[in-house]
Amino acid sequence: MEWTDEAIVLSVRPYSDHMLLVMLMTAHNGRHAGMVRISRRSGGAWLPGTRVHARWRARLSEHLGSLTLESLAQDAALVFHRRAPFSALVSACELVAACVPEREPNPQIYSDLLTLIESIKTPDWPKFYALFELNLLQHLGFRLELSRCAATGATENLRYISPRSGQAVSELAGQPYADRLLKMPTFFLDVSATASPLDLLDAMKITGYFLEKRVLSPLGCTLPSIRCRWVNREDDRTNRSR
């Protein structure tokens, strides 16, 4: 058995004295793992978010198999010393590794992860990250219904999301229950809208809540710790600046 594909490194951990276990998100073969031989040339090259050309081989399809990797782009290395964007990149990779079914083709999730990686060097990377998590929910079958109010059917002045149903709620219908609803950032409805620090924190609260409740908890997992630390730092920073 053999395939070649473009891929993104999700995680790397030791497998033996001479081998690494590498988890990839591939363009056409889904989330896929394999063993990579340690070498001086590649020993420290496979940061999460590294784009590679991968070749996988195994005697039988159900075997773990071996991987040969060739680096295509070192986007992760460019932000390695910038704590917040690198934390976001690692968090996205850890979420994909935890949530996406193994060896099932998911070209849209691969494309979304690639878009996030390409945006990580831009000032708008936090908004791209929040949208990545929102889209990940959709691709995993947990789409939030944001087009109309769950209570009235209205399509304007949508300001909240119900934590129970994942549906939008208008400002008027939601005001009496505002303390029990999640505040929806404008850029969830219009991706071209500017995202303030408070908007981004609201977005991360929404996606984190639904990822944990609907996706991770049933799998016995939690949100990546690196994501939690990053969001908490941003929350503290925003509160100090008020």
C-alpha atoms as a PDB file:
ATOM      1  CA  MET A   1       0.000   0.000   0.000  1.00  0.00           C
ATOM      2  CA  GLU A   2       1.264   3.468  -0.855  1.00  0.00           C
ATOM      3  CA  TRP A   3       0.128   7.034  -1.389  1.00  0.00           C
ATOM      4  CA  THR A   4       1.683  10.475  -1.848  1.00  0.00           C
ATOM      5  CA  ASP A   5      -0.037  13.693  -0.823  1.00  0.00           C
ATOM      6  CA  GLU A   6       0.449  17.218   0.429  1.00  0.00           C
ATOM      7  CA  ALA A   7      -0.054  17.445   4.178  1.00  0.00           C
ATOM      8  CA  ILE A   8       0.227  19.546   7.323  1.00  0.00           C
ATOM      9  CA  VAL A   9       2.049  18.246  10.391  1.00  0.00           C
ATOM     10  CA  LEU A  10      -0.307  18.063  13.387  1.00  0.00           C
ATOM     11  CA  SER A  11       1.916  16.463  16.005  1.00  0.00           C
ATOM     12  CA  VAL A  12       5.215  14.663  16.493  1.00  0.00           C
ATOM     13  CA  ARG A  13       6.220  12.401  19.358  1.00  0.00           C
ATOM     14  CA  PRO A  14       8.942   9.811  19.948  1.00  0.00           C
ATOM     15  CA  TYR A  15       8.095   6.271  18.867  1.00  0.00           C
ATOM     16  CA  SER A  16      11.445   4.589  19.509  1.00  0.00           C
ATOM     17  CA  ASP A  17      15.107   5.548  19.729  1.00  0.00           C
ATOM     18  CA  HIS A  18      15.261   5.988  15.969  1.00  0.00           C
ATOM     19  CA  MET A  19      11.668   6.709  14.949  1.00  0.00           C
ATOM     20  CA  LEU A  20       9.077   9.459  15.396  1.00  0.00           C
ATOM     21  CA  LEU A  21       5.317   9.048  15.277  1.00  0.00           C
ATOM     22  CA  VAL A  22       3.996  11.856  13.087  1.00  0.00           C
ATOM     23  CA  MET A  23       0.327  12.768  12.708  1.00  0.00           C
ATOM     24  CA  LEU A  24      -0.646  14.557   9.506  1.00  0.00           C
ATOM     25  CA  MET A  25      -3.705  16.223   8.054  1.00  0.00           C
ATOM     26  CA  THR A  26      -3.497  15.379   4.372  1.00  0.00           C
ATOM     27  CA  ALA A  27      -5.205  16.991   1.412  1.00  0.00           C
ATOM     28  CA  HIS A  28      -6.830  13.782   0.131  1.00  0.00           C
ATOM     29  CA  ASN A  29      -6.213  11.001   2.663  1.00  0.00           C
ATOM     30  CA  GLY A  30      -7.628  12.553   5.806  1.00  0.00           C
ATOM     31  CA  ARG A  31      -5.898  12.558   9.168  1.00  0.00           C
ATOM     32  CA  HIS A  32      -3.136   9.998   8.918  1.00  0.00           C
ATOM     33  CA  ALA A  33      -0.236   8.829  11.082  1.00  0.00           C
ATOM     34  CA  GLY A  34       3.020   7.089  10.257  1.00  0.00           C
ATOM     35  CA  MET A  35       6.555   6.526  11.468  1.00  0.00           C
ATOM     36  CA  VAL A  36       9.392   8.793  10.373  1.00  0.00           C
ATOM     37  CA  ARG A  37      13.037   7.873  10.808  1.00  0.00           C
ATOM     38  CA  ILE A  38      14.996  10.384  12.887  1.00  0.00           C
ATOM     39  CA  SER A  39      17.820  12.063  11.011  1.00  0.00           C
ATOM     40  CA  ARG A  40      20.082  15.057  11.499  1.00  0.00           C
ATOM     41  CA  ARG A  41      18.415  16.714   8.534  1.00  0.00           C
ATOM     42  CA  SER A  42      14.834  16.452   9.793  1.00  0.00           C
ATOM     43  CA  GLY A  43      15.109  15.919  13.542  1.00  0.00           C
ATOM     44  CA  GLY A  44      13.781  19.351  14.546  1.00  0.00           C
ATOM     45  CA  ALA A  45      12.005  20.328  11.353  1.00  0.00           C
ATOM     46  CA  TRP A  46       8.504  19.038  11.938  1.00  0.00           C
ATOM     47  CA  LEU A  47       6.825  21.744  14.013  1.00  0.00           C
ATOM     48  CA  PRO A  48       3.013  21.648  14.114  1.00  0.00           C
ATOM     49  CA  GLY A  49       1.763  23.565  11.083  1.00  0.00           C
ATOM     50  CA  THR A  50       4.702  22.630   8.839  1.00  0.00           C
ATOM     51  CA  ARG A  51       3.550  21.944   5.284  1.00  0.00           C
ATOM     52  CA  VAL A  52       5.079  18.833   3.740  1.00  0.00           C
ATOM     53  CA  HIS A  53       4.990  16.495   0.777  1.00  0.00           C
ATOM     54  CA  ALA A  54       4.320  13.085   2.300  1.00  0.00           C
ATOM     55  CA  ARG A  55       4.801   9.553   1.031  1.00  0.00           C
ATOM     56  CA  TRP A  56       3.231   6.765   3.081  1.00  0.00           C
ATOM     57  CA  ARG A  57       3.963   3.062   2.665  1.00  0.00           C
ATOM     58  CA  ALA A  58       2.784  -0.069   4.474  1.00  0.00           C
ATOM     59  CA  ARG A  59       2.370  -3.725   3.655  1.00  0.00           C
ATOM     60  CA  LEU A  60      -1.322  -3.652   4.568  1.00  0.00           C
ATOM     61  CA  SER A  61      -3.706  -0.685   4.649  1.00  0.00           C
ATOM     62  CA  GLU A  62      -4.489  -1.183   8.350  1.00  0.00           C
ATOM     63  CA  HIS A  63      -0.797  -0.997   9.348  1.00  0.00           C
ATOM     64  CA  LEU A  64       0.703   2.154  10.849  1.00  0.00           C
ATOM     65  CA  GLY A  65       3.213   2.347   8.012  1.00  0.00           C
ATOM     66  CA  SER A  66       6.188   4.594   7.391  1.00  0.00           C
ATOM     67  CA  LEU A  67       6.322   8.165   6.154  1.00  0.00           C
ATOM     68  CA  THR A  68       8.871  10.052   4.106  1.00  0.00           C
ATOM     69  CA  LEU A  69       8.439  13.804   4.471  1.00  0.00           C
ATOM     70  CA  GLU A  70       9.786  16.694   2.430  1.00  0.00           C
ATOM     71  CA  SER A  71       9.239  20.199   3.783  1.00  0.00           C
ATOM     72  CA  LEU A  72       7.288  22.538   1.497  1.00  0.00           C
ATOM     73  CA  ALA A  73       6.895  25.584   3.761  1.00  0.00           C
ATOM     74  CA  GLN A  74       8.010  26.457   7.287  1.00  0.00           C
ATOM     75  CA  ASP A  75       5.187  28.842   8.210  1.00  0.00           C
ATOM     76  CA  ALA A  76       5.240  27.587  11.797  1.00  0.00           C
ATOM     77  CA  ALA A  77       8.933  28.383  12.179  1.00  0.00           C
ATOM     78  CA  LEU A  78       8.259  31.996  11.132  1.00  0.00           C
ATOM     79  CA  VAL A  79       5.991  32.554  14.159  1.00  0.00           C
ATOM     80  CA  PHE A  80       7.715  30.165  16.566  1.00  0.00           C
ATOM     81  CA  HIS A  81       9.016  33.045  18.706  1.00  0.00           C
ATOM     82  CA  ARG A  82       5.660  34.898  18.723  1.00  0.00           C
ATOM     83  CA  ARG A  83       3.751  33.304  21.562  1.00  0.00           C
ATOM     84  CA  ALA A  84       0.150  34.144  20.639  1.00  0.00           C
ATOM     85  CA  PRO A  85       0.088  33.177  16.935  1.00  0.00           C
ATOM     86  CA  PHE A  86       2.196  30.081  17.531  1.00  0.00           C
ATOM     87  CA  SER A  87      -0.155  29.044  20.356  1.00  0.00           C
ATOM     88  CA  ALA A  88      -3.101  29.454  18.000  1.00  0.00           C
ATOM     89  CA  LEU A  89      -1.403  27.386  15.322  1.00  0.00           C
ATOM     90  CA  VAL A  90      -0.582  24.560  17.736  1.00  0.00           C
ATOM     91  CA  SER A  91      -4.127  24.716  19.143  1.00  0.00           C
ATOM     92  CA  ALA A  92      -5.652  24.330  15.667  1.00  0.00           C
ATOM     93  CA  CYS A  93      -3.422  21.338  14.935  1.00  0.00           C
ATOM     94  CA  GLU A  94      -4.281  19.721  18.284  1.00  0.00           C
ATOM     95  CA  LEU A  95      -8.010  20.208  17.651  1.00  0.00           C
ATOM     96  CA  VAL A  96      -7.784  18.568  14.234  1.00  0.00           C
ATOM     97  CA  ALA A  97      -5.757  15.701  15.701  1.00  0.00           C
ATOM     98  CA  ALA A  98      -8.367  15.158  18.426  1.00  0.00           C
ATOM     99  CA  CYS A  99     -11.601  15.729  16.488  1.00  0.00           C
ATOM    100  CA  VAL A 100     -11.189  14.629  12.884  1.00  0.00           C
ATOM    101  CA  PRO A 101     -11.826  10.926  12.150  1.00  0.00           C
ATOM    102  CA  GLU A 102      -8.652   9.124  11.117  1.00  0.00           C
ATOM    103  CA  ARG A 103      -8.121   8.191   7.456  1.00  0.00           C
ATOM    104  CA  GLU A 104     -11.412   9.724   6.281  1.00  0.00           C
ATOM    105  CA  PRO A 105     -10.864  12.299   3.503  1.00  0.00           C
ATOM    106  CA  ASN A 106     -11.713  15.806   4.735  1.00  0.00           C
ATOM    107  CA  PRO A 107     -10.431  18.169   2.027  1.00  0.00           C
ATOM    108  CA  GLN A 108     -12.368  21.143   3.409  1.00  0.00           C
ATOM    109  CA  ILE A 109     -10.816  20.837   6.875  1.00  0.00           C
ATOM    110  CA  TYR A 110      -7.392  20.577   5.241  1.00  0.00           C
ATOM    111  CA  SER A 111      -8.161  23.688   3.161  1.00  0.00           C
ATOM    112  CA  ASP A 112      -9.354  25.631   6.209  1.00  0.00           C
ATOM    113  CA  LEU A 113      -6.251  24.679   8.180  1.00  0.00           C
ATOM    114  CA  LEU A 114      -4.091  25.740   5.253  1.00  0.00           C
ATOM    115  CA  THR A 115      -5.903  29.101   5.100  1.00  0.00           C
ATOM    116  CA  LEU A 116      -5.263  29.620   8.804  1.00  0.00           C
ATOM    117  CA  ILE A 117      -1.573  28.788   8.409  1.00  0.00           C
ATOM    118  CA  GLU A 118      -1.256  31.248   5.530  1.00  0.00           C
ATOM    119  CA  SER A 119      -2.972  33.963   7.596  1.00  0.00           C
ATOM    120  CA  ILE A 120      -0.924  33.422  10.747  1.00  0.00           C
ATOM    121  CA  LYS A 121       1.654  36.023   9.653  1.00  0.00           C
ATOM    122  CA  THR A 122      -1.005  38.729   9.097  1.00  0.00           C
ATOM    123  CA  PRO A 123      -2.534  41.110  11.669  1.00  0.00           C
ATOM    124  CA  ASP A 124      -5.959  39.473  11.199  1.00  0.00           C
ATOM    125  CA  TRP A 125      -4.833  35.994  12.273  1.00  0.00           C
ATOM    126  CA  PRO A 126      -6.995  35.954  15.467  1.00  0.00           C
ATOM    127  CA  LYS A 127     -10.159  36.414  13.408  1.00  0.00           C
ATOM    128  CA  PHE A 128      -9.079  33.660  11.003  1.00  0.00           C
ATOM    129  CA  TYR A 129      -8.484  31.385  13.970  1.00  0.00           C
ATOM    130  CA  ALA A 130     -11.972  31.966  15.401  1.00  0.00           C
ATOM    131  CA  LEU A 131     -13.523  31.340  11.975  1.00  0.00           C
ATOM    132  CA  PHE A 132     -11.446  28.166  11.676  1.00  0.00           C
ATOM    133  CA  GLU A 133     -13.019  26.809  14.859  1.00  0.00           C
ATOM    134  CA  LEU A 134     -16.497  27.871  13.738  1.00  0.00           C
ATOM    135  CA  ASN A 135     -16.033  26.089  10.394  1.00  0.00           C
ATOM    136  CA  LEU A 136     -14.558  23.031  12.116  1.00  0.00           C
ATOM    137  CA  LEU A 137     -17.806  22.627  14.046  1.00  0.00           C
ATOM    138  CA  GLN A 138     -19.722  22.727  10.780  1.00  0.00           C
ATOM    139  CA  HIS A 139     -17.497  20.197   9.017  1.00  0.00           C
ATOM    140  CA  LEU A 140     -17.829  17.823  11.969  1.00  0.00           C
ATOM    141  CA  GLY A 141     -21.635  17.979  11.724  1.00  0.00           C
ATOM    142  CA  PHE A 142     -22.368  20.564  14.436  1.00  0.00           C
ATOM    143  CA  ARG A 143     -23.269  23.635  12.406  1.00  0.00           C
ATOM    144  CA  LEU A 144     -24.489  26.651  14.393  1.00  0.00           C
ATOM    145  CA  GLU A 145     -27.649  28.192  12.948  1.00  0.00           C
ATOM    146  CA  LEU A 146     -26.793  31.883  12.720  1.00  0.00           C
ATOM    147  CA  SER A 147     -29.054  33.094   9.886  1.00  0.00           C
ATOM    148  CA  ARG A 148     -32.271  33.728  11.844  1.00  0.00           C
ATOM    149  CA  CYS A 149     -33.571  34.197  15.356  1.00  0.00           C
ATOM    150  CA  ALA A 150     -34.619  30.991  17.069  1.00  0.00           C
ATOM    151  CA  ALA A 151     -37.445  32.778  18.925  1.00  0.00           C
ATOM    152  CA  THR A 152     -38.940  35.083  16.265  1.00  0.00           C
ATOM    153  CA  GLY A 153     -37.486  34.016  12.920  1.00  0.00           C
ATOM    154  CA  ALA A 154     -36.067  37.506  12.398  1.00  0.00           C
ATOM    155  CA  THR A 155     -32.965  37.804  10.228  1.00  0.00           C
ATOM    156  CA  GLU A 156     -31.804  41.245  11.454  1.00  0.00           C
ATOM    157  CA  ASN A 157     -30.208  42.501  14.686  1.00  0.00           C
ATOM    158  CA  LEU A 158     -28.957  39.047  15.625  1.00  0.00           C
ATOM    159  CA  ARG A 159     -26.874  39.567  18.762  1.00  0.00           C
ATOM    160  CA  TYR A 160     -26.763  36.314  20.712  1.00  0.00           C
ATOM    161  CA  ILE A 161     -26.416  32.542  20.413  1.00  0.00           C
ATOM    162  CA  SER A 162     -28.334  30.108  22.576  1.00  0.00           C
ATOM    163  CA  PRO A 163     -25.918  27.753  24.392  1.00  0.00           C
ATOM    164  CA  ARG A 164     -28.669  25.124  24.415  1.00  0.00           C
ATOM    165  CA  SER A 165     -29.596  25.045  20.717  1.00  0.00           C
ATOM    166  CA  GLY A 166     -26.681  26.743  18.958  1.00  0.00           C
ATOM    167  CA  GLN A 167     -29.147  29.075  17.222  1.00  0.00           C
ATOM    168  CA  ALA A 168     -28.987  32.840  16.841  1.00  0.00           C
ATOM    169  CA  VAL A 169     -31.218  35.089  18.958  1.00  0.00           C
ATOM    170  CA  SER A 170     -32.144  38.665  18.076  1.00  0.00           C
ATOM    171  CA  GLU A 171     -31.291  41.594  20.335  1.00  0.00           C
ATOM    172  CA  LEU A 172     -34.940  42.214  21.208  1.00  0.00           C
ATOM    173  CA  ALA A 173     -35.808  38.588  21.952  1.00  0.00           C
ATOM    174  CA  GLY A 174     -32.578  37.972  23.837  1.00  0.00           C
ATOM    175  CA  GLN A 175     -32.449  41.034  26.102  1.00  0.00           C
ATOM    176  CA  PRO A 176     -34.438  39.460  28.985  1.00  0.00           C
ATOM    177  CA  TYR A 177     -32.078  36.448  28.944  1.00  0.00           C
ATOM    178  CA  ALA A 178     -28.821  38.174  28.005  1.00  0.00           C
ATOM    179  CA  ASP A 179     -26.960  36.809  31.041  1.00  0.00           C
ATOM    180  CA  ARG A 180     -27.712  33.239  29.888  1.00  0.00           C
ATOM    181  CA  LEU A 181     -26.888  33.710  26.215  1.00  0.00           C
ATOM    182  CA  LEU A 182     -23.580  33.877  24.356  1.00  0.00           C
ATOM    183  CA  LYS A 183     -22.827  37.220  22.736  1.00  0.00           C
ATOM    184  CA  MET A 184     -22.283  36.832  18.987  1.00  0.00           C
ATOM    185  CA  PRO A 185     -19.515  38.862  17.265  1.00  0.00           C
ATOM    186  CA  THR A 186     -20.488  40.677  14.074  1.00  0.00           C
ATOM    187  CA  PHE A 187     -17.825  38.933  11.996  1.00  0.00           C
ATOM    188  CA  PHE A 188     -19.606  35.589  12.464  1.00  0.00           C
ATOM    189  CA  LEU A 189     -22.298  37.041  10.183  1.00  0.00           C
ATOM    190  CA  ASP A 190     -20.057  39.228   8.014  1.00  0.00           C
ATOM    191  CA  VAL A 191     -16.494  37.931   7.684  1.00  0.00           C
ATOM    192  CA  SER A 192     -15.367  41.305   6.301  1.00  0.00           C
ATOM    193  CA  ALA A 193     -16.331  43.067   9.543  1.00  0.00           C
ATOM    194  CA  THR A 194     -13.606  44.371  11.829  1.00  0.00           C
ATOM    195  CA  ALA A 195     -13.023  42.264  14.947  1.00  0.00           C
ATOM    196  CA  SER A 196     -12.221  44.047  18.200  1.00  0.00           C
ATOM    197  CA  PRO A 197     -10.413  42.265  21.056  1.00  0.00           C
ATOM    198  CA  LEU A 198     -13.780  41.857  22.813  1.00  0.00           C
ATOM    199  CA  ASP A 199     -15.336  40.420  19.637  1.00  0.00           C
ATOM    200  CA  LEU A 200     -12.538  37.876  19.423  1.00  0.00           C
ATOM    201  CA  LEU A 201     -12.967  36.829  23.053  1.00  0.00           C
ATOM    202  CA  ASP A 202     -16.726  36.449  22.499  1.00  0.00           C
ATOM    203  CA  ALA A 203     -15.995  34.323  19.439  1.00  0.00           C
ATOM    204  CA  MET A 204     -13.553  32.092  21.300  1.00  0.00           C
ATOM    205  CA  LYS A 205     -16.055  31.641  24.135  1.00  0.00           C
ATOM    206  CA  ILE A 206     -18.699  30.470  21.628  1.00  0.00           C
ATOM    207  CA  THR A 207     -16.543  28.076  19.635  1.00  0.00           C
ATOM    208  CA  GLY A 208     -14.837  26.755  22.752  1.00  0.00           C
ATOM    209  CA  TYR A 209     -18.172  26.069  24.421  1.00  0.00           C
ATOM    210  CA  PHE A 210     -19.609  24.122  21.490  1.00  0.00           C
ATOM    211  CA  LEU A 211     -16.394  22.295  20.632  1.00  0.00           C
ATOM    212  CA  GLU A 212     -16.112  21.078  24.204  1.00  0.00           C
ATOM    213  CA  LYS A 213     -19.803  20.241  24.641  1.00  0.00           C
ATOM    214  CA  ARG A 214     -20.595  18.663  21.278  1.00  0.00           C
ATOM    215  CA  VAL A 215     -17.288  17.316  19.991  1.00  0.00           C
ATOM    216  CA  LEU A 216     -14.564  16.888  22.585  1.00  0.00           C
ATOM    217  CA  SER A 217     -16.497  15.787  25.677  1.00  0.00           C
ATOM    218  CA  PRO A 218     -18.107  12.772  23.919  1.00  0.00           C
ATOM    219  CA  LEU A 219     -14.598  11.727  22.862  1.00  0.00           C
ATOM    220  CA  GLY A 220     -13.286  12.029  26.406  1.00  0.00           C
ATOM    221  CA  CYS A 221     -11.161  15.063  25.440  1.00  0.00           C
ATOM    222  CA  THR A 222     -10.932  18.714  26.476  1.00  0.00           C
ATOM    223  CA  LEU A 223      -9.881  21.908  24.746  1.00  0.00           C
ATOM    224  CA  PRO A 224      -6.111  22.113  24.115  1.00  0.00           C
ATOM    225  CA  SER A 225      -4.350  23.504  27.164  1.00  0.00           C
ATOM    226  CA  ILE A 226      -2.294  25.814  24.960  1.00  0.00           C
ATOM    227  CA  ARG A 227      -5.542  27.338  23.660  1.00  0.00           C
ATOM    228  CA  CYS A 228      -6.842  27.891  27.190  1.00  0.00           C
ATOM    229  CA  ARG A 229      -3.627  29.622  28.289  1.00  0.00           C
ATOM    230  CA  TRP A 230      -3.608  31.860  25.197  1.00  0.00           C
ATOM    231  CA  VAL A 231      -7.270  32.881  25.582  1.00  0.00           C
ATOM    232  CA  ASN A 232      -6.822  33.539  29.306  1.00  0.00           C
ATOM    233  CA  ARG A 233      -3.833  35.794  28.607  1.00  0.00           C
ATOM    234  CA  GLU A 234      -5.818  37.744  26.016  1.00  0.00           C
ATOM    235  CA  ASP A 235      -8.768  38.019  28.411  1.00  0.00           C
ATOM    236  CA  ASP A 236      -6.513  39.403  31.166  1.00  0.00           C
ATOM    237  CA  ARG A 237      -4.913  41.844  28.743  1.00  0.00           C
ATOM    238  CA  THR A 238      -8.288  43.090  27.515  1.00  0.00           C
ATOM    239  CA  ASN A 239      -9.607  43.534  31.065  1.00  0.00           C
ATOM    240  CA  ARG A 240      -6.517  45.546  32.055  1.00  0.00           C
ATOM    241  CA  SER A 241      -6.952  47.862  29.072  1.00  0.00           C
ATOM    242  CA  ARG A 242     -10.556  48.767  29.929  1.00  0.00           C
END
